[in-house]
Amino acid sequence: MKPNLTNKAIAFAIVCTTFFNCSIESIDNSQSESLIVQEEIQTVTESTTCSGSNPTARITNNGTVIVDFEILTIDGTLLDSEYSLAPGESSSWKTFDQGDIIFSITNEDPNINDLKVAYNMSACMEFDMEIGPDNLLTTATPESL
């Protein structure tokens, strides 16, 4: 009779351990987690691809003076601008037509030179410019998305 009681105790212990090792999770939770991961993958994919959109540019003023930022065609037609950009501020992203573009940064300080750069901007390009602490444009160049 004693071996029979031992076998029942062992069987009971195995059943109890199984209960502690198993977890019950709703199928709804796993499906919603899967959907969230799929949405994150889709968002990353969409943000890194370009479908022929016009170029964009912005400027960050890390200099010491207020600047004006203009985006012009090669013949001088103003496409977009951001005026009175204080030190520490960034302009919003500016979208403009493709082509030869002049980026002009001016200020009212007679001791600091105005800055102008020209690039041929095509579809899916962005130019994230920065004025350094020395009030000069850093060596950034436009990038394709």
C-alpha atoms as a PDB file:
ATOM      1  CA  MET A   1       0.000   0.000   0.000  1.00  0.00           C
ATOM      2  CA  LYS A   2       2.872   2.347   0.674  1.00  0.00           C
ATOM      3  CA  PRO A   3       4.230   2.246  -2.919  1.00  0.00           C
ATOM      4  CA  ASN A   4       0.799   3.137  -4.218  1.00  0.00           C
ATOM      5  CA  LEU A   5       0.624   6.241  -1.991  1.00  0.00           C
ATOM      6  CA  THR A   6       4.103   7.329  -3.163  1.00  0.00           C
ATOM      7  CA  ASN A   7       3.090   6.978  -6.801  1.00  0.00           C
ATOM      8  CA  LYS A   8       0.002   9.133  -6.190  1.00  0.00           C
ATOM      9  CA  ALA A   9       2.127  11.794  -4.452  1.00  0.00           C
ATOM     10  CA  ILE A  10       4.578  11.866  -7.368  1.00  0.00           C
ATOM     11  CA  ALA A  11       1.724  12.096  -9.879  1.00  0.00           C
ATOM     12  CA  PHE A  12       0.146  14.907  -7.847  1.00  0.00           C
ATOM     13  CA  ALA A  13       3.485  16.773  -7.727  1.00  0.00           C
ATOM     14  CA  ILE A  14       3.878  16.464 -11.524  1.00  0.00           C
ATOM     15  CA  VAL A  15       0.366  17.813 -12.097  1.00  0.00           C
ATOM     16  CA  CYS A  16       0.982  20.751  -9.712  1.00  0.00           C
ATOM     17  CA  THR A  17       4.301  21.622 -11.398  1.00  0.00           C
ATOM     18  CA  THR A  18       2.590  21.586 -14.773  1.00  0.00           C
ATOM     19  CA  PHE A  19       0.027  24.123 -13.551  1.00  0.00           C
ATOM     20  CA  PHE A  20       2.747  26.472 -12.338  1.00  0.00           C
ATOM     21  CA  ASN A  21       4.701  26.224 -15.607  1.00  0.00           C
ATOM     22  CA  CYS A  22       1.759  26.896 -17.899  1.00  0.00           C
ATOM     23  CA  SER A  23       0.200  30.256 -18.501  1.00  0.00           C
ATOM     24  CA  ILE A  24      -3.097  31.145 -20.016  1.00  0.00           C
ATOM     25  CA  GLU A  25      -3.039  34.083 -22.387  1.00  0.00           C
ATOM     26  CA  SER A  26      -5.893  35.432 -24.401  1.00  0.00           C
ATOM     27  CA  ILE A  27      -5.583  34.925 -28.134  1.00  0.00           C
ATOM     28  CA  ASP A  28      -6.836  38.502 -28.553  1.00  0.00           C
ATOM     29  CA  ASN A  29      -3.671  39.859 -26.851  1.00  0.00           C
ATOM     30  CA  SER A  30      -1.295  37.943 -29.106  1.00  0.00           C
ATOM     31  CA  GLN A  31      -3.199  39.015 -32.221  1.00  0.00           C
ATOM     32  CA  SER A  32      -3.185  42.695 -31.206  1.00  0.00           C
ATOM     33  CA  GLU A  33       0.556  42.531 -30.383  1.00  0.00           C
ATOM     34  CA  SER A  34       1.159  41.039 -33.827  1.00  0.00           C
ATOM     35  CA  LEU A  35      -0.832  43.856 -35.448  1.00  0.00           C
ATOM     36  CA  ILE A  36       1.167  46.487 -33.552  1.00  0.00           C
ATOM     37  CA  VAL A  37       4.466  45.002 -34.777  1.00  0.00           C
ATOM     38  CA  GLN A  38       3.141  44.891 -38.354  1.00  0.00           C
ATOM     39  CA  GLU A  39       2.064  48.558 -38.141  1.00  0.00           C
ATOM     40  CA  GLU A  40       5.503  49.589 -36.819  1.00  0.00           C
ATOM     41  CA  ILE A  41       7.232  47.762 -39.692  1.00  0.00           C
ATOM     42  CA  GLN A  42       4.899  49.406 -42.201  1.00  0.00           C
ATOM     43  CA  THR A  43       5.523  52.876 -40.699  1.00  0.00           C
ATOM     44  CA  VAL A  44       9.302  52.440 -40.899  1.00  0.00           C
ATOM     45  CA  THR A  45       9.052  51.227 -44.503  1.00  0.00           C
ATOM     46  CA  GLU A  46       6.805  54.116 -45.548  1.00  0.00           C
ATOM     47  CA  SER A  47       9.023  56.751 -43.935  1.00  0.00           C
ATOM     48  CA  THR A  48      12.176  55.523 -45.689  1.00  0.00           C
ATOM     49  CA  THR A  49      10.807  55.360 -49.217  1.00  0.00           C
ATOM     50  CA  CYS A  50      10.123  58.226 -51.568  1.00  0.00           C
ATOM     51  CA  SER A  51       7.700  58.195 -54.438  1.00  0.00           C
ATOM     52  CA  GLY A  52       8.870  61.138 -56.545  1.00  0.00           C
ATOM     53  CA  SER A  53       8.049  63.888 -54.073  1.00  0.00           C
ATOM     54  CA  ASN A  54       9.543  67.358 -54.417  1.00  0.00           C
ATOM     55  CA  PRO A  55      12.761  68.193 -52.554  1.00  0.00           C
ATOM     56  CA  THR A  56      12.722  69.686 -49.053  1.00  0.00           C
ATOM     57  CA  ALA A  57      15.085  71.803 -46.965  1.00  0.00           C
ATOM     58  CA  ARG A  58      15.330  73.299 -43.516  1.00  0.00           C
ATOM     59  CA  ILE A  59      17.922  75.220 -41.532  1.00  0.00           C
ATOM     60  CA  THR A  60      18.996  75.158 -37.890  1.00  0.00           C
ATOM     61  CA  ASN A  61      20.537  78.351 -36.523  1.00  0.00           C
ATOM     62  CA  ASN A  62      23.256  77.457 -34.028  1.00  0.00           C
ATOM     63  CA  GLY A  63      24.948  80.815 -34.638  1.00  0.00           C
ATOM     64  CA  THR A  64      24.846  84.006 -32.618  1.00  0.00           C
ATOM     65  CA  VAL A  65      22.663  86.257 -34.811  1.00  0.00           C
ATOM     66  CA  ILE A  66      19.123  86.231 -36.189  1.00  0.00           C
ATOM     67  CA  VAL A  67      19.035  85.042 -39.814  1.00  0.00           C
ATOM     68  CA  ASP A  68      16.681  85.032 -42.776  1.00  0.00           C
ATOM     69  CA  PHE A  69      16.494  81.892 -44.920  1.00  0.00           C
ATOM     70  CA  GLU A  70      15.305  82.010 -48.545  1.00  0.00           C
ATOM     71  CA  ILE A  71      14.962  79.311 -51.187  1.00  0.00           C
ATOM     72  CA  LEU A  72      15.232  80.741 -54.709  1.00  0.00           C
ATOM     73  CA  THR A  73      15.357  79.504 -58.281  1.00  0.00           C
ATOM     74  CA  ILE A  74      18.536  80.175 -60.232  1.00  0.00           C
ATOM     75  CA  ASP A  75      16.857  83.234 -61.820  1.00  0.00           C
ATOM     76  CA  GLY A  76      15.966  84.690 -58.393  1.00  0.00           C
ATOM     77  CA  THR A  77      12.321  83.674 -58.013  1.00  0.00           C
ATOM     78  CA  LEU A  78      11.488  83.198 -54.332  1.00  0.00           C
ATOM     79  CA  LEU A  79      10.091  79.707 -53.664  1.00  0.00           C
ATOM     80  CA  ASP A  80       9.900  79.705 -49.855  1.00  0.00           C
ATOM     81  CA  SER A  81      11.393  81.477 -46.852  1.00  0.00           C
ATOM     82  CA  GLU A  82      11.764  81.667 -43.095  1.00  0.00           C
ATOM     83  CA  TYR A  83      12.508  85.083 -41.620  1.00  0.00           C
ATOM     84  CA  SER A  84      13.882  86.132 -38.215  1.00  0.00           C
ATOM     85  CA  LEU A  85      15.191  82.710 -37.226  1.00  0.00           C
ATOM     86  CA  ALA A  86      16.759  83.248 -33.790  1.00  0.00           C
ATOM     87  CA  PRO A  87      19.824  81.408 -32.488  1.00  0.00           C
ATOM     88  CA  GLY A  88      18.869  77.909 -31.344  1.00  0.00           C
ATOM     89  CA  GLU A  89      15.807  77.693 -33.605  1.00  0.00           C
ATOM     90  CA  SER A  90      15.115  75.509 -36.642  1.00  0.00           C
ATOM     91  CA  SER A  91      12.900  76.336 -39.569  1.00  0.00           C
ATOM     92  CA  SER A  92      10.115  74.031 -40.641  1.00  0.00           C
ATOM     93  CA  TRP A  93      10.773  71.755 -43.607  1.00  0.00           C
ATOM     94  CA  LYS A  94      10.246  73.707 -46.828  1.00  0.00           C
ATOM     95  CA  THR A  95       9.057  71.918 -49.968  1.00  0.00           C
ATOM     96  CA  PHE A  96       9.844  73.370 -53.395  1.00  0.00           C
ATOM     97  CA  ASP A  97      10.039  72.460 -57.086  1.00  0.00           C
ATOM     98  CA  GLN A  98      12.960  70.510 -58.483  1.00  0.00           C
ATOM     99  CA  GLY A  99      15.809  72.227 -60.324  1.00  0.00           C
ATOM    100  CA  ASP A 100      18.818  74.456 -59.695  1.00  0.00           C
ATOM    101  CA  ILE A 101      18.131  76.027 -56.310  1.00  0.00           C
ATOM    102  CA  ILE A 102      19.888  78.798 -54.365  1.00  0.00           C
ATOM    103  CA  PHE A 103      19.753  78.680 -50.575  1.00  0.00           C
ATOM    104  CA  SER A 104      20.368  82.150 -49.157  1.00  0.00           C
ATOM    105  CA  ILE A 105      21.071  82.964 -45.504  1.00  0.00           C
ATOM    106  CA  THR A 106      21.259  86.649 -44.624  1.00  0.00           C
ATOM    107  CA  ASN A 107      21.593  88.635 -41.392  1.00  0.00           C
ATOM    108  CA  GLU A 108      21.781  92.257 -40.302  1.00  0.00           C
ATOM    109  CA  ASP A 109      25.220  92.086 -38.666  1.00  0.00           C
ATOM    110  CA  PRO A 110      27.735  93.928 -40.934  1.00  0.00           C
ATOM    111  CA  ASN A 111      30.586  91.840 -39.470  1.00  0.00           C
ATOM    112  CA  ILE A 112      29.068  88.500 -40.564  1.00  0.00           C
ATOM    113  CA  ASN A 113      28.939  87.595 -44.249  1.00  0.00           C
ATOM    114  CA  ASP A 114      25.741  86.436 -45.891  1.00  0.00           C
ATOM    115  CA  LEU A 115      25.797  82.844 -47.096  1.00  0.00           C
ATOM    116  CA  LYS A 116      24.609  81.420 -50.402  1.00  0.00           C
ATOM    117  CA  VAL A 117      24.884  77.887 -51.798  1.00  0.00           C
ATOM    118  CA  ALA A 118      23.403  76.393 -54.953  1.00  0.00           C
ATOM    119  CA  TYR A 119      22.488  72.779 -55.675  1.00  0.00           C
ATOM    120  CA  ASN A 120      20.577  70.930 -58.329  1.00  0.00           C
ATOM    121  CA  MET A 121      17.743  69.479 -56.268  1.00  0.00           C
ATOM    122  CA  SER A 122      15.828  66.566 -57.741  1.00  0.00           C
ATOM    123  CA  ALA A 123      12.893  64.471 -56.527  1.00  0.00           C
ATOM    124  CA  CYS A 124      13.253  62.795 -53.134  1.00  0.00           C
ATOM    125  CA  MET A 125      16.141  65.002 -51.957  1.00  0.00           C
ATOM    126  CA  GLU A 126      16.396  66.800 -48.633  1.00  0.00           C
ATOM    127  CA  PHE A 127      18.859  69.385 -47.411  1.00  0.00           C
ATOM    128  CA  ASP A 128      19.202  69.746 -43.639  1.00  0.00           C
ATOM    129  CA  MET A 129      21.413  72.834 -43.250  1.00  0.00           C
ATOM    130  CA  GLU A 130      23.004  74.159 -40.089  1.00  0.00           C
ATOM    131  CA  ILE A 131      24.659  77.419 -39.152  1.00  0.00           C
ATOM    132  CA  GLY A 132      27.480  76.663 -36.722  1.00  0.00           C
ATOM    133  CA  PRO A 133      28.523  78.657 -33.634  1.00  0.00           C
ATOM    134  CA  ASP A 134      30.961  80.581 -35.869  1.00  0.00           C
ATOM    135  CA  ASN A 135      27.973  81.830 -37.958  1.00  0.00           C
ATOM    136  CA  LEU A 136      29.163  79.819 -40.967  1.00  0.00           C
ATOM    137  CA  LEU A 137      27.227  77.162 -42.806  1.00  0.00           C
ATOM    138  CA  THR A 138      28.429  73.669 -41.847  1.00  0.00           C
ATOM    139  CA  THR A 139      29.539  71.258 -44.576  1.00  0.00           C
ATOM    140  CA  ALA A 140      26.167  69.540 -45.038  1.00  0.00           C
ATOM    141  CA  THR A 141      25.061  68.562 -48.538  1.00  0.00           C
ATOM    142  CA  PRO A 142      21.679  67.472 -49.888  1.00  0.00           C
ATOM    143  CA  GLU A 143      20.830  63.777 -49.516  1.00  0.00           C
ATOM    144  CA  SER A 144      18.557  61.497 -51.488  1.00  0.00           C
ATOM    145  CA  LEU A 145      15.844  59.694 -49.552  1.00  0.00           C
END
